[in-house]
């Protein structure tokens, strides 16, 4: 998924609707949450604070922030004896993730 958007939605004079926002948020998953957040933010940025589409967009941005860092649980529970993989939380995530080599070294150290 790219950061690009339908140019018709962003053109000057387009009346942004709640349905425009909902069309973007329809297929949101943790993997694409930050890209969708950027698209919605671009779509609503010129709207007044009391506009229904802006209200819906801001609510969706908050939800996308949550699933981007906390993930979402799907499927069945972990099998007996196996812990589920932890999601990255906004509090645990470093501001700038370490380089791949450092991350691999840290992961290897944690499994010892």
Protein backbone atom coordinates (compact mmCIF):
# COMPACT_ATOMS: atom_id res chain seq x y z
CA UNK A 1 0.00 0.00 0.00
CA UNK A 2 1.38 3.39 -0.90
CA UNK A 3 0.85 6.75 0.71
CA UNK A 4 -0.76 8.00 -2.50
CA UNK A 5 -4.43 8.85 -2.51
CA UNK A 6 -7.24 9.15 -5.00
CA UNK A 7 -6.60 12.64 -6.40
CA UNK A 8 -10.34 13.33 -6.65
CA UNK A 9 -10.70 13.08 -2.86
CA UNK A 10 -7.92 15.60 -2.27
CA UNK A 11 -8.71 18.11 -5.01
CA UNK A 12 -9.68 21.64 -4.04
CA UNK A 13 -13.43 21.99 -3.76
CA UNK A 14 -14.19 18.30 -3.06
CA UNK A 15 -16.77 18.08 -0.25
CA UNK A 16 -15.32 15.42 2.05
CA UNK A 17 -17.97 13.11 3.49
CA UNK A 18 -18.12 10.59 6.31
CA UNK A 19 -18.38 7.95 3.57
CA UNK A 20 -15.02 9.10 2.14
CA UNK A 21 -13.44 8.47 5.55
CA UNK A 22 -15.20 5.13 5.97
CA UNK A 23 -14.04 4.01 2.53
CA UNK A 24 -10.45 4.44 3.69
CA UNK A 25 -10.93 2.78 7.05
CA UNK A 26 -12.79 -0.25 5.71
CA UNK A 27 -9.83 -2.58 5.33
CA UNK A 28 -7.68 -1.43 8.24
CA UNK A 29 -5.26 -3.93 9.74
CA UNK A 30 -2.24 -3.43 12.01
CA UNK A 31 0.07 -3.88 9.04
CA UNK A 32 -1.43 -0.92 7.14
CA UNK A 33 -2.69 1.18 10.07
CA UNK A 34 -0.05 3.91 9.83
CA UNK A 35 -0.49 4.32 6.07
CA UNK A 36 -4.27 4.54 6.46
CA UNK A 37 -3.84 7.02 9.30
CA UNK A 38 -1.79 9.27 7.01
CA UNK A 39 -4.41 9.04 4.25
CA UNK A 40 -7.26 9.91 6.60
CA UNK A 41 -5.27 12.76 8.15
CA UNK A 42 -4.64 14.22 4.67
CA UNK A 43 -8.32 13.86 3.79
CA UNK A 44 -9.67 15.69 6.87
CA UNK A 45 -6.93 18.26 7.50
CA UNK A 46 -8.84 21.20 5.95
CA UNK A 47 -12.19 20.41 7.57
CA UNK A 48 -13.52 22.46 10.51
CA UNK A 49 -13.28 20.77 13.91
CA UNK A 50 -17.06 20.22 14.12
CA UNK A 51 -17.41 18.63 10.65
CA UNK A 52 -18.87 15.09 10.88
CA UNK A 53 -16.20 13.65 8.55
CA UNK A 54 -13.44 15.19 10.67
CA UNK A 55 -14.99 13.77 13.84
CA UNK A 56 -15.20 10.32 12.24
CA UNK A 57 -11.66 10.64 10.88
CA UNK A 58 -10.17 11.63 14.23
CA UNK A 59 -11.95 8.73 15.93
CA UNK A 60 -10.55 6.38 13.28
CA UNK A 61 -7.04 7.85 13.60
CA UNK A 62 -7.12 7.09 17.34
CA UNK A 63 -8.22 3.49 16.61
CA UNK A 64 -5.52 3.09 13.96
CA UNK A 65 -2.87 4.34 16.39
CA UNK A 66 -4.03 1.70 18.85
CA UNK A 67 -3.99 -1.23 16.44
CA UNK A 68 -0.71 -0.10 14.85
CA UNK A 69 1.11 -0.52 18.15
CA UNK A 70 -1.04 -3.00 20.08
CA UNK A 71 -2.05 -5.14 17.11
CA UNK A 72 -5.20 -7.14 17.10
CA UNK A 73 -5.83 -10.70 18.15
CA UNK A 74 -7.19 -13.11 15.58
CA UNK A 75 -7.51 -16.85 15.41
CA UNK A 76 -7.40 -19.23 18.32
CA UNK A 77 -5.68 -18.86 21.68
CA UNK A 78 -2.10 -20.04 22.11
CA UNK A 79 -1.65 -23.77 22.42
CA UNK A 80 -0.93 -25.17 25.88
CA UNK A 81 2.66 -24.50 26.84
CA UNK A 82 3.14 -21.74 24.28
CA UNK A 83 2.78 -18.07 25.10
CA UNK A 84 1.28 -15.82 22.43
CA UNK A 85 3.63 -13.37 20.75
CA UNK A 86 3.43 -10.00 22.43
CA UNK A 87 2.38 -7.00 20.38
CA UNK A 88 4.52 -3.90 20.36
CA UNK A 89 3.00 -1.27 22.60
CA UNK A 90 3.50 2.45 22.19
CA UNK A 91 5.22 2.49 25.59
CA UNK A 92 7.64 -0.34 24.73
CA UNK A 93 8.49 0.72 21.19
CA UNK A 94 11.71 2.70 20.83
CA UNK A 95 11.46 6.06 19.10
CA UNK A 96 13.99 4.83 16.54
CA UNK A 97 14.16 1.03 16.21
CA UNK A 98 17.67 -0.46 16.41
CA UNK A 99 19.44 -1.61 13.28
CA UNK A 100 18.57 -5.12 12.13
CA UNK A 101 21.87 -6.51 13.39
CA UNK A 102 21.34 -5.07 16.86
CA UNK A 103 17.76 -6.36 16.95
CA UNK A 104 18.83 -9.86 15.94
CA UNK A 105 21.57 -9.86 18.57
CA UNK A 106 19.10 -8.73 21.23
CA UNK A 107 16.59 -11.41 20.22
CA UNK A 108 19.27 -14.09 20.33
CA UNK A 109 20.38 -12.90 23.77
CA UNK A 110 16.77 -13.02 25.06
CA UNK A 111 16.38 -16.68 24.00
CA UNK A 112 19.45 -17.88 25.93
